[in-house]
C-alpha atoms as a PDB file:
ATOM      1  CA  MET A   1      30.365 -20.385 -35.113  1.00  0.00           C
ATOM      2  CA  ASP A   2      30.111 -17.268 -37.270  1.00  0.00           C
ATOM      3  CA  LYS A   3      29.982 -14.071 -35.189  1.00  0.00           C
ATOM      4  CA  PHE A   4      27.991 -12.227 -37.830  1.00  0.00           C
ATOM      5  CA  GLY A   5      24.491 -12.539 -39.239  1.00  0.00           C
ATOM      6  CA  ILE A   6      22.436 -11.029 -42.041  1.00  0.00           C
ATOM      7  CA  ILE A   7      19.166  -9.148 -42.332  1.00  0.00           C
ATOM      8  CA  GLU A   8      17.547  -9.061 -45.743  1.00  0.00           C
ATOM      9  CA  ILE A   9      14.874  -6.453 -46.465  1.00  0.00           C
ATOM     10  CA  ARG A  10      13.265  -7.136 -49.824  1.00  0.00           C
ATOM     11  CA  VAL A  11      11.225  -4.366 -51.451  1.00  0.00           C
ATOM     12  CA  LEU A  12       8.576  -5.360 -54.004  1.00  0.00           C
ATOM     13  CA  GLY A  13       6.707  -2.869 -56.175  1.00  0.00           C
ATOM     14  CA  LYS A  14       6.757  -0.908 -59.392  1.00  0.00           C
ATOM     15  CA  LYS A  15       8.091   2.305 -60.863  1.00  0.00           C
ATOM     16  CA  GLY A  16       5.343   3.087 -63.340  1.00  0.00           C
ATOM     17  CA  ASN A  17       5.135  -0.058 -65.464  1.00  0.00           C
ATOM     18  CA  LEU A  18       8.610  -1.257 -64.503  1.00  0.00           C
ATOM     19  CA  LYS A  19       9.319  -3.782 -61.785  1.00  0.00           C
ATOM     20  CA  LEU A  20      11.483  -2.406 -58.979  1.00  0.00           C
ATOM     21  CA  SER A  21      15.196  -3.096 -59.341  1.00  0.00           C
ATOM     22  CA  PRO A  22      18.453  -1.515 -58.135  1.00  0.00           C
ATOM     23  CA  ASP A  23      18.594   0.305 -61.484  1.00  0.00           C
ATOM     24  CA  ASN A  24      15.412   2.307 -60.876  1.00  0.00           C
ATOM     25  CA  TYR A  25      15.429   2.462 -57.049  1.00  0.00           C
ATOM     26  CA  ASP A  26      16.103   6.094 -56.121  1.00  0.00           C
ATOM     27  CA  VAL A  27      18.956   7.054 -53.818  1.00  0.00           C
ATOM     28  CA  LYS A  28      16.506   8.801 -51.469  1.00  0.00           C
ATOM     29  CA  GLU A  29      14.746   5.487 -50.949  1.00  0.00           C
ATOM     30  CA  ILE A  30      18.070   3.842 -50.108  1.00  0.00           C
ATOM     31  CA  ILE A  31      18.905   6.635 -47.652  1.00  0.00           C
ATOM     32  CA  SER A  32      15.522   6.228 -45.968  1.00  0.00           C
ATOM     33  CA  MET A  33      16.251   2.559 -45.295  1.00  0.00           C
ATOM     34  CA  LEU A  34      19.785   3.273 -44.086  1.00  0.00           C
ATOM     35  CA  GLU A  35      18.452   5.867 -41.648  1.00  0.00           C
ATOM     36  CA  ASN A  36      16.160   3.288 -40.034  1.00  0.00           C
ATOM     37  CA  ILE A  37      18.383   0.201 -39.827  1.00  0.00           C
ATOM     38  CA  GLU A  38      20.467   1.409 -36.874  1.00  0.00           C
ATOM     39  CA  ASP A  39      17.352   2.035 -34.769  1.00  0.00           C
ATOM     40  CA  LEU A  40      15.948  -1.354 -35.754  1.00  0.00           C
ATOM     41  CA  LEU A  41      19.070  -3.200 -34.614  1.00  0.00           C
ATOM     42  CA  TYR A  42      20.596  -1.078 -31.868  1.00  0.00           C
ATOM     43  CA  PRO A  43      17.946   1.230 -30.336  1.00  0.00           C
ATOM     44  CA  THR A  44      19.774   1.644 -27.014  1.00  0.00           C
ATOM     45  CA  SER A  45      23.480   1.015 -27.677  1.00  0.00           C
ATOM     46  CA  ILE A  46      24.575   3.127 -30.647  1.00  0.00           C
ATOM     47  CA  LYS A  47      27.957   4.106 -29.156  1.00  0.00           C
ATOM     48  CA  ASP A  48      29.423   0.622 -28.787  1.00  0.00           C
ATOM     49  CA  ARG A  49      27.540  -1.231 -31.492  1.00  0.00           C
ATOM     50  CA  PRO A  50      29.330  -3.489 -34.001  1.00  0.00           C
ATOM     51  CA  ILE A  51      29.825  -2.335 -37.593  1.00  0.00           C
ATOM     52  CA  ILE A  52      26.834  -2.639 -39.938  1.00  0.00           C
ATOM     53  CA  THR A  53      27.783  -3.284 -43.575  1.00  0.00           C
ATOM     54  CA  TYR A  54      25.433  -2.819 -46.519  1.00  0.00           C
ATOM     55  CA  ASP A  55      24.821  -4.196 -50.009  1.00  0.00           C
ATOM     56  CA  ILE A  56      21.985  -3.831 -52.516  1.00  0.00           C
ATOM     57  CA  GLN A  57      21.079  -6.761 -54.748  1.00  0.00           C
ATOM     58  CA  GLU A  58      18.710  -7.839 -57.520  1.00  0.00           C
ATOM     59  CA  GLY A  59      15.442  -9.681 -56.858  1.00  0.00           C
ATOM     60  CA  TYR A  60      13.189  -6.648 -57.057  1.00  0.00           C
ATOM     61  CA  VAL A  61      15.345  -4.729 -54.523  1.00  0.00           C
ATOM     62  CA  LYS A  62      17.186  -6.479 -51.697  1.00  0.00           C
ATOM     63  CA  HIS A  63      18.793  -4.501 -48.890  1.00  0.00           C
ATOM     64  CA  ILE A  64      21.423  -6.740 -47.264  1.00  0.00           C
ATOM     65  CA  PHE A  65      22.751  -5.753 -43.829  1.00  0.00           C
ATOM     66  CA  LYS A  66      25.478  -7.673 -42.016  1.00  0.00           C
ATOM     67  CA  THR A  67      26.280  -7.129 -38.343  1.00  0.00           C
ATOM     68  CA  GLY A  68      26.842  -8.883 -34.998  1.00  0.00           C
ATOM     69  CA  LEU A  69      25.024 -12.209 -34.641  1.00  0.00           C
ATOM     70  CA  GLN A  70      23.560 -11.356 -31.246  1.00  0.00           C
ATOM     71  CA  ALA A  71      21.721  -8.347 -32.698  1.00  0.00           C
ATOM     72  CA  ILE A  72      20.410 -10.472 -35.580  1.00  0.00           C
ATOM     73  CA  ILE A  73      19.061 -13.098 -33.163  1.00  0.00           C
ATOM     74  CA  ALA A  74      17.388 -10.408 -31.034  1.00  0.00           C
ATOM     75  CA  PHE A  75      15.930  -8.695 -34.095  1.00  0.00           C
ATOM     76  CA  GLY A  76      14.441 -11.966 -35.374  1.00  0.00           C
ATOM     77  CA  ALA A  77      12.782 -12.498 -31.986  1.00  0.00           C
ATOM     78  CA  VAL A  78      11.390  -8.949 -32.063  1.00  0.00           C
ATOM     79  CA  LEU A  79       9.870  -9.454 -35.528  1.00  0.00           C
ATOM     80  CA  SER A  80       8.295 -12.723 -34.418  1.00  0.00           C
ATOM     81  CA  GLN A  81       6.698 -11.060 -31.379  1.00  0.00           C
ATOM     82  CA  VAL A  82       5.453  -8.095 -33.427  1.00  0.00           C
ATOM     83  CA  GLN A  83       3.834 -10.461 -35.905  1.00  0.00           C
ATOM     84  CA  SER A  84       2.195 -12.639 -33.257  1.00  0.00           C
ATOM     85  CA  SER A  85       0.869  -9.652 -31.279  1.00  0.00           C
ATOM     86  CA  ASN A  86       0.169  -7.501 -34.360  1.00  0.00           C
ATOM     87  CA  SER A  87       1.434  -4.537 -32.344  1.00  0.00           C
ATOM     88  CA  ILE A  88       4.577  -2.411 -31.968  1.00  0.00           C
ATOM     89  CA  ASP A  89       3.500  -0.677 -28.744  1.00  0.00           C
ATOM     90  CA  PHE A  90       5.803  -2.839 -26.597  1.00  0.00           C
ATOM     91  CA  LEU A  91       8.956  -1.942 -28.553  1.00  0.00           C
ATOM     92  CA  GLU A  92      11.666   0.563 -27.668  1.00  0.00           C
ATOM     93  CA  ALA A  93      10.598   3.922 -29.100  1.00  0.00           C
ATOM     94  CA  LYS A  94      13.379   4.012 -31.708  1.00  0.00           C
ATOM     95  CA  THR A  95      12.564   0.523 -32.998  1.00  0.00           C
ATOM     96  CA  ALA A  96       8.838   1.259 -33.096  1.00  0.00           C
ATOM     97  CA  ILE A  97       9.423   4.511 -35.007  1.00  0.00           C
ATOM     98  CA  ALA A  98      11.692   2.746 -37.514  1.00  0.00           C
ATOM     99  CA  ILE A  99       8.995   0.145 -38.233  1.00  0.00           C
ATOM    100  CA  GLU A 100       6.417   2.952 -38.476  1.00  0.00           C
ATOM    101  CA  ASN A 101       8.635   4.720 -41.015  1.00  0.00           C
ATOM    102  CA  ILE A 102       8.769   1.590 -43.195  1.00  0.00           C
ATOM    103  CA  GLN A 103       4.991   1.171 -42.838  1.00  0.00           C
ATOM    104  CA  ASN A 104       4.379   4.784 -43.902  1.00  0.00           C
ATOM    105  CA  PHE A 105       6.772   4.357 -46.831  1.00  0.00           C
ATOM    106  CA  SER A 106       4.732   1.320 -47.859  1.00  0.00           C
ATOM    107  CA  TYR A 107       1.553   3.415 -47.800  1.00  0.00           C
ATOM    108  CA  GLN A 108       3.132   6.236 -49.820  1.00  0.00           C
ATOM    109  CA  LYS A 109       4.846   4.126 -52.503  1.00  0.00           C
ATOM    110  CA  ASN A 110       2.547   1.079 -52.552  1.00  0.00           C
ATOM    111  CA  TYR A 111       5.582  -1.129 -51.781  1.00  0.00           C
ATOM    112  CA  ASP A 112       5.665  -4.484 -50.024  1.00  0.00           C
ATOM    113  CA  PHE A 113       8.541  -5.106 -47.601  1.00  0.00           C
ATOM    114  CA  GLU A 114       9.718  -8.586 -46.608  1.00  0.00           C
ATOM    115  CA  LEU A 115      12.137  -8.830 -43.698  1.00  0.00           C
ATOM    116  CA  LYS A 116      14.029 -11.985 -42.770  1.00  0.00           C
ATOM    117  CA  THR A 117      17.279 -12.997 -41.076  1.00  0.00           C
ATOM    118  CA  SER A 118      19.983 -15.572 -41.670  1.00  0.00           C
ATOM    119  CA  ILE A 119      18.973 -17.227 -38.375  1.00  0.00           C
ATOM    120  CA  ASP A 120      15.565 -18.396 -39.625  1.00  0.00           C
ATOM    121  CA  LYS A 121      15.277 -18.106 -43.385  1.00  0.00           C
ATOM    122  CA  ASP A 122      11.770 -19.613 -43.370  1.00  0.00           C
ATOM    123  CA  PHE A 123      10.322 -16.805 -41.254  1.00  0.00           C
ATOM    124  CA  VAL A 124       9.351 -13.715 -43.274  1.00  0.00           C
ATOM    125  CA  PHE A 125       7.955 -10.592 -41.636  1.00  0.00           C
ATOM    126  CA  LYS A 126       5.825  -8.567 -44.060  1.00  0.00           C
ATOM    127  CA  ILE A 127       4.933  -4.899 -44.120  1.00  0.00           C
ATOM    128  CA  ASN A 128       2.583  -3.792 -46.882  1.00  0.00           C
ATOM    129  CA  PRO A 129      -0.192  -1.243 -47.579  1.00  0.00           C
ATOM    130  CA  GLN A 130      -2.676  -3.561 -45.866  1.00  0.00           C
ATOM    131  CA  SER A 131      -0.722  -3.947 -42.608  1.00  0.00           C
ATOM    132  CA  LYS A 132      -1.037  -1.458 -39.737  1.00  0.00           C
ATOM    133  CA  TYR A 133       2.199  -1.465 -37.782  1.00  0.00           C
ATOM    134  CA  LEU A 134       1.685   1.893 -36.093  1.00  0.00           C
ATOM    135  CA  ARG A 135       1.940   2.890 -32.463  1.00  0.00           C
ATOM    136  CA  THR A 136      -1.242   3.435 -30.464  1.00  0.00           C
ATOM    137  CA  GLU A 137      -1.343   7.185 -29.922  1.00  0.00           C
ATOM    138  CA  ASN A 138      -3.190   7.113 -26.590  1.00  0.00           C
ATOM    139  CA  ILE A 139      -0.419   5.251 -24.760  1.00  0.00           C
ATOM    140  CA  TRP A 140       2.089   8.055 -25.515  1.00  0.00           C
ATOM    141  CA  VAL A 141       1.269  11.129 -23.471  1.00  0.00           C
ATOM    142  CA  ASP A 142       2.942  14.472 -22.779  1.00  0.00           C
ATOM    143  CA  ALA A 143       4.948  14.333 -19.570  1.00  0.00           C
ATOM    144  CA  GLU A 144       7.153  16.754 -17.661  1.00  0.00           C
ATOM    145  CA  LEU A 145      10.602  15.194 -17.377  1.00  0.00           C
ATOM    146  CA  TYR A 146      13.835  15.960 -15.553  1.00  0.00           C
ATOM    147  CA  PHE A 147      17.386  15.137 -16.624  1.00  0.00           C
ATOM    148  CA  TYR A 148      20.792  15.846 -15.094  1.00  0.00           C
ATOM    149  CA  GLY A 149      24.166  15.839 -16.801  1.00  0.00           C
ATOM    150  CA  ILE A 150      26.846  17.805 -18.613  1.00  0.00           C
ATOM    151  CA  LEU A 151      25.869  20.093 -21.497  1.00  0.00           C
ATOM    152  CA  ILE A 152      28.147  19.038 -24.369  1.00  0.00           C
ATOM    153  CA  ASN A 153      26.694  20.949 -27.328  1.00  0.00           C
ATOM    154  CA  ALA A 154      24.298  23.798 -28.068  1.00  0.00           C
ATOM    155  CA  GLY A 155      23.100  25.497 -31.234  1.00  0.00           C
ATOM    156  CA  GLY A 156      22.048  24.376 -34.683  1.00  0.00           C
ATOM    157  CA  LYS A 157      21.705  26.139 -38.028  1.00  0.00           C
ATOM    158  CA  SER A 158      18.027  25.568 -38.756  1.00  0.00           C
ATOM    159  CA  LYS A 159      16.804  23.967 -35.538  1.00  0.00           C
ATOM    160  CA  ALA A 160      18.237  24.952 -32.165  1.00  0.00           C
ATOM    161  CA  ASN A 161      18.837  22.327 -29.504  1.00  0.00           C
ATOM    162  CA  ILE A 162      21.081  21.390 -26.620  1.00  0.00           C
ATOM    163  CA  HIS A 163      22.827  18.072 -26.026  1.00  0.00           C
ATOM    164  CA  LEU A 164      23.077  16.768 -22.475  1.00  0.00           C
ATOM    165  CA  ASP A 165      25.303  13.830 -21.546  1.00  0.00           C
ATOM    166  CA  THR A 166      23.476  11.971 -18.761  1.00  0.00           C
ATOM    167  CA  GLN A 167      24.418   8.932 -16.735  1.00  0.00           C
ATOM    168  CA  ASP A 168      20.962   7.311 -16.887  1.00  0.00           C
ATOM    169  CA  PHE A 169      19.884   8.082 -20.470  1.00  0.00           C
ATOM    170  CA  GLY A 170      23.128   8.600 -22.377  1.00  0.00           C
ATOM    171  CA  SER A 171      23.310  11.642 -24.631  1.00  0.00           C
ATOM    172  CA  ILE A 172      19.928  13.334 -25.130  1.00  0.00           C
ATOM    173  CA  THR A 173      18.928  16.114 -27.514  1.00  0.00           C
ATOM    174  CA  VAL A 174      16.434  18.710 -26.308  1.00  0.00           C
ATOM    175  CA  ASP A 175      14.828  21.209 -28.680  1.00  0.00           C
ATOM    176  CA  THR A 176      14.996  24.854 -27.596  1.00  0.00           C
ATOM    177  CA  ASP A 177      14.543  28.365 -28.975  1.00  0.00           C
ATOM    178  CA  LYS A 178      17.379  30.194 -30.701  1.00  0.00           C
ATOM    179  CA  ASP A 179      16.569  33.287 -28.648  1.00  0.00           C
ATOM    180  CA  PHE A 180      17.120  31.341 -25.432  1.00  0.00           C
ATOM    181  CA  LEU A 181      20.642  30.365 -26.492  1.00  0.00           C
ATOM    182  CA  LYS A 182      21.390  33.819 -27.899  1.00  0.00           C
ATOM    183  CA  ASP A 183      20.472  35.496 -24.612  1.00  0.00           C
ATOM    184  CA  GLN A 184      22.835  33.393 -22.491  1.00  0.00           C
ATOM    185  CA  GLU A 185      25.571  35.651 -21.129  1.00  0.00           C
ATOM    186  CA  GLU A 186      27.876  32.804 -20.046  1.00  0.00           C
ATOM    187  CA  ASN A 187      29.263  29.827 -21.929  1.00  0.00           C
ATOM    188  CA  LEU A 188      27.050  26.813 -21.208  1.00  0.00           C
ATOM    189  CA  LEU A 189      29.361  24.095 -22.509  1.00  0.00           C
ATOM    190  CA  TYR A 190      30.787  21.390 -20.273  1.00  0.00           C
ATOM    191  CA  LYS A 191      28.912  22.532 -17.184  1.00  0.00           C
ATOM    192  CA  LYS A 192      26.489  20.477 -15.107  1.00  0.00           C
ATOM    193  CA  PHE A 193      22.823  21.314 -15.567  1.00  0.00           C
ATOM    194  CA  GLY A 194      19.421  20.069 -14.661  1.00  0.00           C
ATOM    195  CA  ILE A 195      16.919  20.146 -17.507  1.00  0.00           C
ATOM    196  CA  ARG A 196      13.176  20.443 -17.128  1.00  0.00           C
ATOM    197  CA  ALA A 197      11.559  19.329 -20.379  1.00  0.00           C
ATOM    198  CA  ILE A 198       8.331  18.109 -21.895  1.00  0.00           C
ATOM    199  CA  GLY A 199       8.212  14.969 -24.022  1.00  0.00           C
ATOM    200  CA  LYS A 200       6.250  11.860 -24.885  1.00  0.00           C
ATOM    201  CA  GLN A 201       6.216   9.009 -22.360  1.00  0.00           C
ATOM    202  CA  ASN A 202       4.669   5.561 -22.664  1.00  0.00           C
ATOM    203  CA  ILE A 203       2.095   5.236 -19.879  1.00  0.00           C
ATOM    204  CA  GLU A 204       2.421   1.444 -19.873  1.00  0.00           C
ATOM    205  CA  THR A 205       6.199   1.003 -19.860  1.00  0.00           C
ATOM    206  CA  GLY A 206       7.395   4.421 -18.665  1.00  0.00           C
ATOM    207  CA  GLU A 207       9.714   4.667 -21.678  1.00  0.00           C
ATOM    208  CA  ILE A 208      10.585   8.158 -22.905  1.00  0.00           C
ATOM    209  CA  ASP A 209      10.582   9.064 -26.596  1.00  0.00           C
ATOM    210  CA  LYS A 210      13.815  11.079 -26.569  1.00  0.00           C
ATOM    211  CA  LYS A 211      13.133  12.522 -30.029  1.00  0.00           C
ATOM    212  CA  THR A 212      10.195  14.572 -28.660  1.00  0.00           C
ATOM    213  CA  LEU A 213      11.985  16.482 -25.885  1.00  0.00           C
ATOM    214  CA  LYS A 214      11.461  20.262 -25.676  1.00  0.00           C
ATOM    215  CA  LEU A 215      13.115  22.524 -23.139  1.00  0.00           C
ATOM    216  CA  ILE A 216      11.064  24.216 -20.430  1.00  0.00           C
ATOM    217  CA  GLN A 217      13.844  25.292 -18.086  1.00  0.00           C
ATOM    218  CA  LEU A 218      17.609  24.984 -17.756  1.00  0.00           C
ATOM    219  CA  VAL A 219      18.764  24.814 -14.132  1.00  0.00           C
ATOM    220  CA  ASP A 220      22.351  25.507 -13.057  1.00  0.00           C
ATOM    221  CA  PHE A 221      23.504  22.371 -11.276  1.00  0.00           C
ATOM    222  CA  GLN A 222      26.929  23.474 -10.026  1.00  0.00           C
ATOM    223  CA  PRO A 223      27.097  22.432  -6.346  1.00  0.00           C
ATOM    224  CA  LYS A 224      28.872  25.193  -4.400  1.00  0.00           C
ATOM    225  CA  TYR A 225      29.967  25.376  -0.798  1.00  0.00           C
ATOM    226  CA  ASP A 226      28.238  28.352   0.827  1.00  0.00           C
ATOM    227  CA  ASP A 227      29.589  28.992   4.342  1.00  0.00           C
ATOM    228  CA  SER A 228      26.996  31.643   5.255  1.00  0.00           C
ATOM    229  CA  TYR A 229      24.100  29.427   4.088  1.00  0.00           C
ATOM    230  CA  LEU A 230      25.477  26.494   6.087  1.00  0.00           C
ATOM    231  CA  SER A 231      25.840  28.671   9.187  1.00  0.00           C
ATOM    232  CA  SER A 232      22.232  29.853   8.895  1.00  0.00           C
ATOM    233  CA  LEU A 233      21.041  26.251   8.764  1.00  0.00           C
ATOM    234  CA  ILE A 234      23.087  25.395  11.871  1.00  0.00           C
ATOM    235  CA  ASN A 235      21.612  28.349  13.762  1.00  0.00           C
ATOM    236  CA  LYS A 236      18.083  27.307  12.829  1.00  0.00           C
ATOM    237  CA  ALA A 237      18.811  23.768  13.969  1.00  0.00           C
ATOM    238  CA  LYS A 238      20.160  25.029  17.320  1.00  0.00           C
ATOM    239  CA  VAL A 239      16.771  26.603  18.080  1.00  0.00           C
ATOM    240  CA  ASN A 240      14.928  23.379  17.322  1.00  0.00           C
ATOM    241  CA  TRP A 241      17.371  21.289  19.360  1.00  0.00           C
ATOM    242  CA  LYS A 242      17.356  23.637  22.348  1.00  0.00           C
ATOM    243  CA  GLY A 243      16.720  21.703  25.571  1.00  0.00           C
ATOM    244  CA  ILE A 244      17.110  18.294  23.865  1.00  0.00           C
ATOM    245  CA  ASN A 245      19.736  15.853  25.062  1.00  0.00           C
ATOM    246  CA  PRO A 246      21.090  14.362  21.807  1.00  0.00           C
ATOM    247  CA  GLU A 247      22.301  11.165  23.504  1.00  0.00           C
ATOM    248  CA  GLN A 248      18.884  10.530  25.077  1.00  0.00           C
ATOM    249  CA  TRP A 249      17.157  11.361  21.750  1.00  0.00           C
ATOM    250  CA  LEU A 250      19.378   8.880  19.899  1.00  0.00           C
ATOM    251  CA  TYR A 251      18.753   6.255  22.605  1.00  0.00           C
ATOM    252  CA  ASN A 252      14.977   6.704  22.198  1.00  0.00           C
ATOM    253  CA  ILE A 253      15.219   6.430  18.397  1.00  0.00           C
ATOM    254  CA  ARG A 254      17.132   3.174  18.749  1.00  0.00           C
ATOM    255  CA  GLY A 255      14.457   1.844  21.058  1.00  0.00           C
ATOM    256  CA  GLY A 256      16.965   1.071  23.743  1.00  0.00           C
ATOM    257  CA  TYR A 257      19.074  -0.995  21.338  1.00  0.00           C
ATOM    258  CA  ASP A 258      22.778  -0.572  22.080  1.00  0.00           C
ATOM    259  CA  ALA A 259      24.559  -0.616  18.670  1.00  0.00           C
END
């Protein structure tokens, strides 16, 4: 069995009085589609994803993407569910945003988009100026969020941000102020930090829209052994345990059970 499958995204419309074709389809429009395809297919596993190859063909304009068969099967199932529910609120944020981008492009250019896969060539998912594949705003709310990891990058020419490599969320990008980074006296790179941020969270699924994160506070998360602090805790504990027989206390906690 072939390990690869195909997604075809057909774009129908006009450039003035001319029917759309690869000859009059602007490179910016191609780039827009290329920027969305990765989030459509691999919203959570960009690092280890298979290669995605691309071709553009006649027939108005046909974007042809070839990649791993498993992703194609999953994508076909996603399109089917979106069509039957007429909603994208249940999708991963990246996938939902990618579909929103295509929908908005359809509004702006008066284009029709037809999406289908090599798995089920009879099923065609359509996005056009009459469809409304947009997320419901009231299920995405501002939330205060906390992340822990290693700071692997900081800066940016026009837009400052920091990149934190986390165990639970992978690499996340958090917007910050240039002045905040400029005022740091020590090198932040490759140190452990806790990040307090604000971002959009889905109140139904708990999913975080990682593209909306903005820094509130950066917390040094370098665990250090502090002998004096430990001694102070021991001394406080001695006062509380004064007059208590630890063996009898443990016996009472166990309820008389002899482990």
